[in-house]
Amino acid sequence: MPMDISSGTPESVVVPAGNARLPGLLLSPPRPLGIVLLADVSGSTGCNPSTLFVAQALHAAQLASLAVNLLTSSEAAVDAHTGWLRHDPVLLAGRIHAARRWLAAREDMQDLPLGLFAAGPASAAALVAARAEPAFKAVVCWPEPDQSATSEVQGERAPTLLVSSSESIETIADLARRWFERHLTKEWLSAQAP
């Protein structure tokens, strides 16, 4: 599912996270009403097509997105054989925090309400990161079938939606869009009202 860039051109970015340099894509409409960090753990240097499909759905709703691969290309190569890094929520949560700091440093993004979306192995890390970081105002996770993420939601600061992994990507993208519209866009518009 290639990203439709007819209504906006994604900007390739590199997010520093300690010694790691994480590849990402920033997609923003002209006047975004919020931004969603899309945490990805892909086996390649780019982001997974499903993550980009969600980014496209958010863009149509006037929400910017930063899709970031939480593993470097060399880490992904090691992880393809071991599977250790993708199941290290502390490492991946640290990478999510680094991406959040990178967004906060950008003048065009720093005042926007921030959401967090994660799929598969990144889901557990997203819940850890969101619990520790009040900047995340809404969270959507699409965990792997064998992940028991429900207990991780206890104590979450932000409204959190866990989606069944049996859903299709079109359904996931629609649910995520509606969740972020409800918890990011409406609050942003209310705050801007005189």
N, C-alpha and C. Protein backbone atom coordinates (compact mmCIF):
# COMPACT_ATOMS: atom_id res chain seq x y z
N MET A 1 0.84 -1.19 0.00
CA MET A 1 0.00 0.00 0.00
C MET A 1 0.88 1.25 0.00
N PRO A 2 1.20 1.79 -1.16
CA PRO A 2 2.05 2.98 -1.20
C PRO A 2 1.32 4.19 -0.67
N MET A 3 2.09 5.12 -0.14
CA MET A 3 1.48 6.33 0.41
C MET A 3 1.05 7.25 -0.72
N ASP A 4 -0.15 7.76 -0.64
CA ASP A 4 -0.64 8.73 -1.61
C ASP A 4 -0.14 10.10 -1.19
N ILE A 5 0.75 10.67 -2.00
CA ILE A 5 1.32 11.96 -1.63
C ILE A 5 0.72 13.09 -2.44
N SER A 6 -0.44 12.84 -3.08
CA SER A 6 -1.04 13.86 -3.93
C SER A 6 -1.44 15.10 -3.14
N SER A 7 -1.74 14.93 -1.85
CA SER A 7 -2.17 16.08 -1.05
C SER A 7 -1.11 16.52 -0.05
N GLY A 8 0.11 16.09 -0.24
CA GLY A 8 1.19 16.48 0.65
C GLY A 8 2.41 15.61 0.42
N THR A 9 3.58 16.20 0.51
CA THR A 9 4.80 15.45 0.28
C THR A 9 5.45 15.09 1.60
N PRO A 10 5.68 13.79 1.84
CA PRO A 10 6.34 13.42 3.09
C PRO A 10 7.81 13.87 3.08
N GLU A 11 8.25 14.33 4.23
CA GLU A 11 9.64 14.78 4.39
C GLU A 11 10.43 13.68 5.08
N SER A 12 11.49 13.20 4.42
CA SER A 12 12.37 12.20 5.05
C SER A 12 13.17 12.88 6.13
N VAL A 13 13.19 12.29 7.32
CA VAL A 13 13.90 12.88 8.44
C VAL A 13 14.75 11.82 9.13
N VAL A 14 15.66 12.28 9.94
CA VAL A 14 16.47 11.39 10.78
C VAL A 14 16.33 11.89 12.21
N VAL A 15 15.89 11.00 13.09
CA VAL A 15 15.65 11.35 14.49
C VAL A 15 16.81 10.81 15.34
N PRO A 16 17.56 11.68 16.01
CA PRO A 16 18.63 11.18 16.88
C PRO A 16 18.07 10.59 18.16
N ALA A 17 18.62 9.44 18.54
CA ALA A 17 18.22 8.76 19.79
C ALA A 17 19.48 8.17 20.40
N GLY A 18 20.18 8.98 21.21
CA GLY A 18 21.48 8.54 21.72
C GLY A 18 22.44 8.40 20.56
N ASN A 19 23.08 7.23 20.45
CA ASN A 19 23.99 6.99 19.33
C ASN A 19 23.28 6.53 18.06
N ALA A 20 22.01 6.26 18.16
CA ALA A 20 21.25 5.77 17.01
C ALA A 20 20.68 6.93 16.20
N ARG A 21 20.51 6.68 14.92
CA ARG A 21 19.86 7.62 14.02
C ARG A 21 18.69 6.89 13.39
N LEU A 22 17.47 7.33 13.71
CA LEU A 22 16.27 6.60 13.32
C LEU A 22 15.63 7.23 12.08
N PRO A 23 15.38 6.44 11.05
CA PRO A 23 14.75 6.97 9.84
C PRO A 23 13.26 7.22 10.05
N GLY A 24 12.77 8.30 9.47
CA GLY A 24 11.36 8.59 9.62
C GLY A 24 10.81 9.40 8.45
N LEU A 25 9.49 9.52 8.43
CA LEU A 25 8.79 10.34 7.43
C LEU A 25 7.82 11.25 8.16
N LEU A 26 7.92 12.54 7.88
CA LEU A 26 7.02 13.54 8.45
C LEU A 26 6.06 13.98 7.37
N LEU A 27 4.77 13.86 7.64
CA LEU A 27 3.74 14.27 6.69
C LEU A 27 2.82 15.25 7.39
N SER A 28 2.69 16.45 6.82
CA SER A 28 1.88 17.46 7.49
C SER A 28 1.00 18.20 6.51
N PRO A 29 -0.30 18.36 6.85
CA PRO A 29 -1.17 19.22 6.04
C PRO A 29 -0.78 20.67 6.29
N PRO A 30 -1.30 21.60 5.49
CA PRO A 30 -0.91 23.02 5.65
C PRO A 30 -1.13 23.59 7.04
N ARG A 31 -2.27 23.31 7.66
CA ARG A 31 -2.55 23.82 9.00
C ARG A 31 -2.99 22.67 9.88
N PRO A 32 -2.05 21.89 10.39
CA PRO A 32 -2.43 20.70 11.16
C PRO A 32 -3.13 21.05 12.47
N LEU A 33 -4.06 20.18 12.87
CA LEU A 33 -4.79 20.35 14.12
C LEU A 33 -4.19 19.52 15.25
N GLY A 34 -3.16 18.77 14.94
CA GLY A 34 -2.48 17.92 15.91
C GLY A 34 -1.43 17.10 15.18
N ILE A 35 -0.64 16.35 15.92
CA ILE A 35 0.34 15.48 15.30
C ILE A 35 0.35 14.15 16.03
N VAL A 36 0.54 13.07 15.27
CA VAL A 36 0.59 11.73 15.82
C VAL A 36 1.95 11.11 15.51
N LEU A 37 2.60 10.63 16.54
CA LEU A 37 3.85 9.89 16.38
C LEU A 37 3.49 8.43 16.11
N LEU A 38 3.90 7.94 14.95
CA LEU A 38 3.62 6.56 14.55
C LEU A 38 4.88 5.73 14.79
N ALA A 39 4.87 4.95 15.85
CA ALA A 39 6.04 4.15 16.23
C ALA A 39 6.03 2.83 15.47
N ASP A 40 7.10 2.57 14.74
CA ASP A 40 7.18 1.41 13.87
C ASP A 40 8.42 0.59 14.22
N VAL A 41 8.31 -0.72 14.09
CA VAL A 41 9.48 -1.59 14.20
C VAL A 41 9.47 -2.43 12.93
N SER A 42 10.20 -1.95 11.95
CA SER A 42 10.18 -2.60 10.64
C SER A 42 11.50 -3.30 10.39
N GLY A 43 11.46 -4.31 9.56
CA GLY A 43 12.69 -5.04 9.23
C GLY A 43 13.52 -4.35 8.17
N SER A 44 13.10 -3.19 7.71
CA SER A 44 13.85 -2.47 6.69
C SER A 44 14.18 -1.08 7.21
N THR A 45 14.84 -0.29 6.37
CA THR A 45 15.20 1.06 6.80
C THR A 45 14.00 2.01 6.75
N GLY A 46 12.99 1.63 6.01
CA GLY A 46 11.82 2.49 5.92
C GLY A 46 10.76 2.08 6.92
N CYS A 47 9.58 2.68 6.75
CA CYS A 47 8.46 2.34 7.61
C CYS A 47 7.55 1.37 6.89
N ASN A 48 6.88 0.56 7.66
CA ASN A 48 6.01 -0.48 7.13
C ASN A 48 4.81 0.15 6.40
N PRO A 49 4.37 -0.45 5.30
CA PRO A 49 3.26 0.11 4.52
C PRO A 49 1.98 0.33 5.34
N SER A 50 1.73 -0.52 6.31
CA SER A 50 0.53 -0.34 7.15
C SER A 50 0.62 0.96 7.96
N THR A 51 1.81 1.26 8.46
CA THR A 51 2.01 2.50 9.21
C THR A 51 1.78 3.71 8.30
N LEU A 52 2.27 3.63 7.08
CA LEU A 52 2.10 4.73 6.13
C LEU A 52 0.63 4.88 5.72
N PHE A 53 -0.10 3.78 5.68
CA PHE A 53 -1.53 3.83 5.39
C PHE A 53 -2.26 4.61 6.49
N VAL A 54 -1.88 4.38 7.74
CA VAL A 54 -2.47 5.12 8.87
C VAL A 54 -2.11 6.60 8.75
N ALA A 55 -0.86 6.89 8.39
CA ALA A 55 -0.43 8.29 8.23
C ALA A 55 -1.28 9.00 7.19
N GLN A 56 -1.58 8.31 6.12
CA GLN A 56 -2.40 8.89 5.06
C GLN A 56 -3.81 9.20 5.57
N ALA A 57 -4.39 8.30 6.36
CA ALA A 57 -5.72 8.52 6.93
C ALA A 57 -5.72 9.72 7.87
N LEU A 58 -4.66 9.86 8.66
CA LEU A 58 -4.56 10.99 9.58
C LEU A 58 -4.40 12.30 8.82
N HIS A 59 -3.63 12.27 7.74
CA HIS A 59 -3.41 13.45 6.92
C HIS A 59 -4.74 13.97 6.37
N ALA A 60 -5.61 13.04 5.96
CA ALA A 60 -6.92 13.43 5.42
C ALA A 60 -7.79 14.10 6.49
N ALA A 61 -7.47 13.86 7.76
CA ALA A 61 -8.21 14.46 8.87
C ALA A 61 -7.50 15.69 9.43
N GLN A 62 -6.59 16.27 8.66
CA GLN A 62 -5.84 17.47 9.07
C GLN A 62 -4.92 17.22 10.25
N LEU A 63 -4.44 15.99 10.38
CA LEU A 63 -3.47 15.66 11.43
C LEU A 63 -2.12 15.35 10.80
N ALA A 64 -1.08 15.96 11.32
CA ALA A 64 0.28 15.65 10.88
C ALA A 64 0.71 14.32 11.50
N SER A 65 1.72 13.70 10.93
CA SER A 65 2.23 12.46 11.50
C SER A 65 3.74 12.37 11.29
N LEU A 66 4.39 11.75 12.25
CA LEU A 66 5.79 11.38 12.13
C LEU A 66 5.86 9.87 12.27
N ALA A 67 6.11 9.19 11.16
CA ALA A 67 6.30 7.74 11.17
C ALA A 67 7.79 7.48 11.36
N VAL A 68 8.15 6.85 12.45
CA VAL A 68 9.57 6.63 12.74
C VAL A 68 9.83 5.16 13.02
N ASN A 69 10.88 4.64 12.39
CA ASN A 69 11.30 3.26 12.63
C ASN A 69 12.17 3.27 13.88
N LEU A 70 11.77 2.52 14.89
CA LEU A 70 12.47 2.55 16.18
C LEU A 70 13.78 1.77 16.16
N LEU A 71 14.07 1.07 15.06
CA LEU A 71 15.34 0.35 14.92
C LEU A 71 16.13 0.91 13.74
N THR A 72 17.44 1.01 13.89
CA THR A 72 18.29 1.39 12.78
C THR A 72 18.39 0.21 11.82
N SER A 73 18.94 0.44 10.64
CA SER A 73 19.06 -0.65 9.66
C SER A 73 19.95 -1.78 10.18
N SER A 74 21.04 -1.44 10.88
CA SER A 74 21.92 -2.49 11.41
C SER A 74 21.24 -3.25 12.55
N GLU A 75 20.48 -2.54 13.38
CA GLU A 75 19.74 -3.20 14.45
C GLU A 75 18.66 -4.13 13.88
N ALA A 76 17.99 -3.66 12.82
CA ALA A 76 16.95 -4.47 12.20
C ALA A 76 17.54 -5.75 11.62
N ALA A 77 18.76 -5.67 11.07
CA ALA A 77 19.41 -6.86 10.52
C ALA A 77 19.71 -7.88 11.62
N VAL A 78 20.18 -7.40 12.77
CA VAL A 78 20.43 -8.30 13.91
C VAL A 78 19.12 -8.86 14.43
N ASP A 79 18.12 -7.99 14.54
CA ASP A 79 16.83 -8.39 15.09
C ASP A 79 16.13 -9.42 14.21
N ALA A 80 16.40 -9.38 12.91
CA ALA A 80 15.80 -10.36 12.01
C ALA A 80 16.20 -11.79 12.38
N HIS A 81 17.38 -11.94 12.99
CA HIS A 81 17.87 -13.27 13.39
C HIS A 81 17.55 -13.61 14.84
N THR A 82 17.46 -12.57 15.70
CA THR A 82 17.30 -12.85 17.13
C THR A 82 15.91 -12.51 17.66
N GLY A 83 15.29 -11.44 17.12
CA GLY A 83 14.00 -10.98 17.63
C GLY A 83 14.09 -10.30 18.99
N TRP A 84 15.31 -10.08 19.48
CA TRP A 84 15.47 -9.51 20.83
C TRP A 84 15.09 -8.04 20.91
N LEU A 85 15.56 -7.25 19.95
CA LEU A 85 15.38 -5.80 20.05
C LEU A 85 13.92 -5.40 19.93
N ARG A 86 13.18 -6.04 19.06
CA ARG A 86 11.77 -5.67 18.87
C ARG A 86 10.92 -6.00 20.10
N HIS A 87 11.44 -6.84 20.97
CA HIS A 87 10.71 -7.18 22.19
C HIS A 87 11.40 -6.63 23.44
N ASP A 88 12.07 -5.48 23.27
CA ASP A 88 12.72 -4.77 24.38
C ASP A 88 11.97 -3.45 24.60
N PRO A 89 10.89 -3.47 25.41
CA PRO A 89 10.07 -2.26 25.53
C PRO A 89 10.80 -1.08 26.14
N VAL A 90 11.81 -1.32 26.96
CA VAL A 90 12.55 -0.20 27.56
C VAL A 90 13.36 0.52 26.48
N LEU A 91 14.06 -0.24 25.64
CA LEU A 91 14.83 0.36 24.53
C LEU A 91 13.90 1.12 23.60
N LEU A 92 12.81 0.48 23.19
CA LEU A 92 11.92 1.10 22.22
C LEU A 92 11.17 2.30 22.81
N ALA A 93 10.80 2.24 24.10
CA ALA A 93 10.16 3.40 24.74
C ALA A 93 11.12 4.58 24.78
N GLY A 94 12.40 4.31 25.00
CA GLY A 94 13.40 5.38 24.97
C GLY A 94 13.48 6.03 23.59
N ARG A 95 13.33 5.22 22.56
CA ARG A 95 13.35 5.76 21.18
C ARG A 95 12.10 6.60 20.92
N ILE A 96 10.97 6.17 21.47
CA ILE A 96 9.74 6.97 21.34
C ILE A 96 9.91 8.33 22.02
N HIS A 97 10.52 8.33 23.20
CA HIS A 97 10.78 9.60 23.90
C HIS A 97 11.70 10.50 23.08
N ALA A 98 12.70 9.90 22.42
CA ALA A 98 13.62 10.68 21.59
C ALA A 98 12.87 11.33 20.42
N ALA A 99 11.96 10.58 19.82
CA ALA A 99 11.16 11.13 18.72
C ALA A 99 10.24 12.25 19.21
N ARG A 100 9.69 12.07 20.41
CA ARG A 100 8.84 13.12 20.99
C ARG A 100 9.66 14.40 21.23
N ARG A 101 10.89 14.25 21.73
CA ARG A 101 11.74 15.43 21.94
C ARG A 101 12.09 16.10 20.61
N TRP A 102 12.33 15.29 19.58
CA TRP A 102 12.65 15.83 18.26
C TRP A 102 11.49 16.67 17.74
N LEU A 103 10.27 16.17 17.90
CA LEU A 103 9.09 16.93 17.47
C LEU A 103 8.94 18.22 18.26
N ALA A 104 9.19 18.14 19.56
CA ALA A 104 9.03 19.32 20.42
C ALA A 104 10.01 20.42 20.06
N ALA A 105 11.12 20.05 19.44
CA ALA A 105 12.13 21.04 19.06
C ALA A 105 11.79 21.75 17.75
N ARG A 106 10.83 21.24 17.02
CA ARG A 106 10.44 21.87 15.75
C ARG A 106 9.38 22.94 16.02
N GLU A 107 9.66 24.15 15.56
CA GLU A 107 8.74 25.26 15.82
C GLU A 107 7.37 25.02 15.22
N ASP A 108 7.32 24.33 14.07
CA ASP A 108 6.04 24.12 13.41
C ASP A 108 5.20 23.03 14.05
N MET A 109 5.76 22.29 15.02
CA MET A 109 5.05 21.17 15.62
C MET A 109 4.91 21.28 17.15
N GLN A 110 5.71 22.12 17.79
CA GLN A 110 5.83 22.06 19.25
C GLN A 110 4.57 22.44 20.02
N ASP A 111 3.67 23.22 19.44
CA ASP A 111 2.48 23.62 20.18
C ASP A 111 1.25 22.76 19.86
N LEU A 112 1.42 21.76 18.98
CA LEU A 112 0.28 20.93 18.59
C LEU A 112 0.04 19.82 19.61
N PRO A 113 -1.23 19.44 19.83
CA PRO A 113 -1.49 18.29 20.70
C PRO A 113 -0.91 17.02 20.05
N LEU A 114 -0.36 16.15 20.89
CA LEU A 114 0.41 15.01 20.41
C LEU A 114 -0.26 13.69 20.75
N GLY A 115 -0.38 12.84 19.73
CA GLY A 115 -0.89 11.49 19.92
C GLY A 115 0.19 10.47 19.62
N LEU A 116 -0.07 9.22 19.96
CA LEU A 116 0.89 8.13 19.76
C LEU A 116 0.16 6.91 19.22
N PHE A 117 0.66 6.39 18.10
CA PHE A 117 0.11 5.17 17.50
C PHE A 117 1.25 4.16 17.39
N ALA A 118 0.95 2.90 17.74
CA ALA A 118 1.95 1.85 17.60
C ALA A 118 1.27 0.55 17.22
N ALA A 119 1.97 -0.24 16.40
CA ALA A 119 1.45 -1.53 15.98
C ALA A 119 2.48 -2.61 16.27
N GLY A 120 1.99 -3.84 16.46
CA GLY A 120 2.87 -4.99 16.63
C GLY A 120 3.80 -4.83 17.82
N PRO A 121 5.09 -5.12 17.62
CA PRO A 121 6.05 -5.11 18.72
C PRO A 121 6.20 -3.75 19.40
N ALA A 122 5.88 -2.68 18.69
CA ALA A 122 6.03 -1.34 19.27
C ALA A 122 4.92 -1.01 20.27
N SER A 123 3.85 -1.82 20.31
CA SER A 123 2.70 -1.50 21.16
C SER A 123 3.05 -1.46 22.65
N ALA A 124 3.75 -2.48 23.12
CA ALA A 124 4.12 -2.51 24.55
C ALA A 124 4.99 -1.31 24.91
N ALA A 125 5.93 -0.98 24.02
CA ALA A 125 6.82 0.16 24.27
C ALA A 125 6.03 1.47 24.28
N ALA A 126 5.02 1.58 23.41
CA ALA A 126 4.21 2.79 23.36
C ALA A 126 3.44 2.99 24.66
N LEU A 127 2.94 1.90 25.22
CA LEU A 127 2.21 2.01 26.49
C LEU A 127 3.14 2.41 27.63
N VAL A 128 4.37 1.88 27.62
CA VAL A 128 5.37 2.28 28.62
C VAL A 128 5.71 3.76 28.47
N ALA A 129 5.93 4.19 27.23
CA ALA A 129 6.30 5.59 26.96
C ALA A 129 5.17 6.54 27.34
N ALA A 130 3.94 6.18 26.98
CA ALA A 130 2.80 7.07 27.25
C ALA A 130 2.53 7.21 28.75
N ARG A 131 2.78 6.14 29.50
CA ARG A 131 2.55 6.21 30.94
C ARG A 131 3.51 7.20 31.59
N ALA A 132 4.72 7.31 31.04
CA ALA A 132 5.74 8.17 31.63
C ALA A 132 5.74 9.59 31.07
N GLU A 133 5.00 9.81 29.99
CA GLU A 133 5.11 11.09 29.29
C GLU A 133 3.75 11.78 29.15
N PRO A 134 3.52 12.85 29.93
CA PRO A 134 2.23 13.54 29.88
C PRO A 134 1.97 14.27 28.56
N ALA A 135 2.99 14.43 27.73
CA ALA A 135 2.79 15.13 26.46
C ALA A 135 1.87 14.36 25.51
N PHE A 136 1.80 13.03 25.66
CA PHE A 136 0.91 12.24 24.80
C PHE A 136 -0.53 12.38 25.30
N LYS A 137 -1.38 12.92 24.46
CA LYS A 137 -2.77 13.20 24.84
C LYS A 137 -3.75 12.10 24.44
N ALA A 138 -3.32 11.19 23.56
CA ALA A 138 -4.16 10.06 23.13
C ALA A 138 -3.25 8.99 22.56
N VAL A 139 -3.63 7.73 22.76
CA VAL A 139 -2.80 6.60 22.33
C VAL A 139 -3.69 5.55 21.66
N VAL A 140 -3.18 4.99 20.55
CA VAL A 140 -3.82 3.85 19.90
C VAL A 140 -2.77 2.77 19.70
N CYS A 141 -3.08 1.56 20.14
CA CYS A 141 -2.16 0.43 19.99
C CYS A 141 -2.87 -0.72 19.29
N TRP A 142 -2.13 -1.35 18.39
CA TRP A 142 -2.61 -2.50 17.65
C TRP A 142 -1.63 -3.64 17.92
N PRO A 143 -1.76 -4.32 19.07
CA PRO A 143 -0.74 -5.30 19.47
C PRO A 143 -0.77 -6.57 18.64
N GLU A 144 0.34 -7.32 18.72
CA GLU A 144 0.42 -8.62 18.05
C GLU A 144 -0.54 -9.59 18.75
N PRO A 145 -0.93 -10.67 18.04
CA PRO A 145 -1.88 -11.61 18.64
C PRO A 145 -1.42 -12.20 19.98
N ASP A 146 -0.10 -12.40 20.14
CA ASP A 146 0.37 -13.03 21.37
C ASP A 146 0.72 -12.03 22.47
N GLN A 147 0.50 -10.74 22.21
CA GLN A 147 0.80 -9.73 23.23
C GLN A 147 -0.40 -9.56 24.15
N SER A 148 -0.14 -9.56 25.44
CA SER A 148 -1.19 -9.28 26.42
C SER A 148 -0.96 -7.86 26.92
N ALA A 149 -1.51 -6.90 26.19
CA ALA A 149 -1.26 -5.50 26.49
C ALA A 149 -2.31 -4.90 27.42
N THR A 150 -3.40 -5.60 27.64
CA THR A 150 -4.49 -5.03 28.43
C THR A 150 -4.04 -4.57 29.81
N SER A 151 -3.21 -5.37 30.48
CA SER A 151 -2.76 -5.00 31.82
C SER A 151 -1.85 -3.77 31.80
N GLU A 152 -1.21 -3.53 30.64
CA GLU A 152 -0.32 -2.37 30.53
C GLU A 152 -1.08 -1.05 30.51
N VAL A 153 -2.37 -1.10 30.20
CA VAL A 153 -3.15 0.14 30.11
C VAL A 153 -3.45 0.71 31.49
N GLN A 154 -3.40 -0.12 32.51
CA GLN A 154 -3.67 0.36 33.86
C GLN A 154 -2.70 1.50 34.20
N GLY A 155 -3.25 2.61 34.65
CA GLY A 155 -2.40 3.74 35.03
C GLY A 155 -2.04 4.66 33.88
N GLU A 156 -2.59 4.42 32.68
CA GLU A 156 -2.30 5.31 31.56
C GLU A 156 -2.85 6.71 31.84
N ARG A 157 -2.08 7.72 31.47
CA ARG A 157 -2.53 9.10 31.65
C ARG A 157 -3.48 9.53 30.53
N ALA A 158 -3.20 9.04 29.32
CA ALA A 158 -3.94 9.49 28.14
C ALA A 158 -5.04 8.49 27.79
N PRO A 159 -6.12 8.96 27.14
CA PRO A 159 -7.13 8.03 26.62
C PRO A 159 -6.45 7.03 25.69
N THR A 160 -6.64 5.74 25.94
CA THR A 160 -5.91 4.69 25.22
C THR A 160 -6.88 3.70 24.60
N LEU A 161 -6.67 3.44 23.30
CA LEU A 161 -7.49 2.49 22.57
C LEU A 161 -6.62 1.30 22.15
N LEU A 162 -7.01 0.10 22.59
CA LEU A 162 -6.36 -1.13 22.14
C LEU A 162 -7.26 -1.78 21.10
N VAL A 163 -6.70 -2.07 19.94
CA VAL A 163 -7.48 -2.61 18.83
C VAL A 163 -7.12 -4.07 18.61
N SER A 164 -8.12 -4.91 18.37
CA SER A 164 -7.89 -6.32 18.10
C SER A 164 -7.03 -6.50 16.86
N SER A 165 -6.06 -7.40 16.94
CA SER A 165 -5.16 -7.61 15.81
C SER A 165 -5.84 -8.30 14.64
N SER A 166 -7.06 -8.78 14.82
CA SER A 166 -7.76 -9.45 13.72
C SER A 166 -8.38 -8.44 12.75
N GLU A 167 -8.36 -7.16 13.10
CA GLU A 167 -8.95 -6.15 12.22
C GLU A 167 -8.05 -5.91 11.00
N SER A 168 -8.65 -5.42 9.89
CA SER A 168 -7.86 -5.08 8.68
C SER A 168 -7.26 -3.69 8.86
N ILE A 169 -6.27 -3.36 8.03
CA ILE A 169 -5.58 -2.07 8.15
C ILE A 169 -6.53 -0.92 7.86
N GLU A 170 -7.50 -1.13 6.97
CA GLU A 170 -8.47 -0.06 6.69
C GLU A 170 -9.28 0.26 7.94
N THR A 171 -9.69 -0.78 8.66
CA THR A 171 -10.45 -0.58 9.90
C THR A 171 -9.58 0.07 10.96
N ILE A 172 -8.33 -0.38 11.08
CA ILE A 172 -7.40 0.19 12.06
C ILE A 172 -7.20 1.68 11.79
N ALA A 173 -6.96 2.02 10.53
CA ALA A 173 -6.73 3.42 10.17
C ALA A 173 -7.94 4.28 10.49
N ASP A 174 -9.14 3.77 10.22
CA ASP A 174 -10.36 4.52 10.50
C ASP A 174 -10.58 4.70 12.01
N LEU A 175 -10.35 3.62 12.78
CA LEU A 175 -10.49 3.72 14.24
C LEU A 175 -9.48 4.71 14.82
N ALA A 176 -8.24 4.65 14.33
CA ALA A 176 -7.21 5.57 14.82
C ALA A 176 -7.56 7.01 14.49
N ARG A 177 -7.98 7.23 13.25
CA ARG A 177 -8.36 8.59 12.84
C ARG A 177 -9.46 9.14 13.74
N ARG A 178 -10.50 8.35 13.98
CA ARG A 178 -11.61 8.82 14.80
C ARG A 178 -11.19 9.05 16.25
N TRP A 179 -10.31 8.18 16.78
CA TRP A 179 -9.84 8.34 18.16
C TRP A 179 -9.05 9.64 18.31
N PHE A 180 -8.15 9.88 17.34
CA PHE A 180 -7.33 11.09 17.44
C PHE A 180 -8.14 12.35 17.14
N GLU A 181 -9.11 12.26 16.25
CA GLU A 181 -10.00 13.41 16.03
C GLU A 181 -10.73 13.75 17.33
N ARG A 182 -11.20 12.73 18.01
CA ARG A 182 -11.95 12.95 19.25
C ARG A 182 -11.07 13.53 20.35
N HIS A 183 -9.87 12.99 20.51
CA HIS A 183 -9.06 13.36 21.68
C HIS A 183 -7.97 14.39 21.40
N LEU A 184 -7.66 14.65 20.13
CA LEU A 184 -6.68 15.68 19.81
C LEU A 184 -7.34 16.88 19.14
N THR A 185 -8.03 16.64 18.03
CA THR A 185 -8.58 17.72 17.23
C THR A 185 -9.62 18.54 17.98
N LYS A 186 -10.58 17.87 18.61
CA LYS A 186 -11.65 18.61 19.29
C LYS A 186 -11.10 19.46 20.43
N GLU A 187 -10.15 18.90 21.18
CA GLU A 187 -9.55 19.67 22.28
C GLU A 187 -8.77 20.87 21.76
N TRP A 188 -8.05 20.66 20.64
CA TRP A 188 -7.26 21.73 20.03
C TRP A 188 -8.18 22.85 19.57
N LEU A 189 -9.26 22.51 18.87
CA LEU A 189 -10.19 23.53 18.38
C LEU A 189 -10.86 24.25 19.54
N SER A 190 -11.20 23.53 20.59
CA SER A 190 -11.80 24.17 21.77
C SER A 190 -10.85 25.15 22.42
N ALA A 191 -9.57 24.77 22.49
CA ALA A 191 -8.56 25.64 23.12
C ALA A 191 -8.30 26.89 22.31
N GLN A 192 -8.51 26.81 20.97
CA GLN A 192 -8.26 27.96 20.11
C GLN A 192 -9.45 28.90 20.04
N ALA A 193 -10.61 28.41 20.49
CA ALA A 193 -11.82 29.26 20.41
C ALA A 193 -11.71 30.45 21.34
N PRO A 194 -12.21 31.63 20.92
CA PRO A 194 -12.12 32.83 21.78
C PRO A 194 -13.02 32.73 23.00
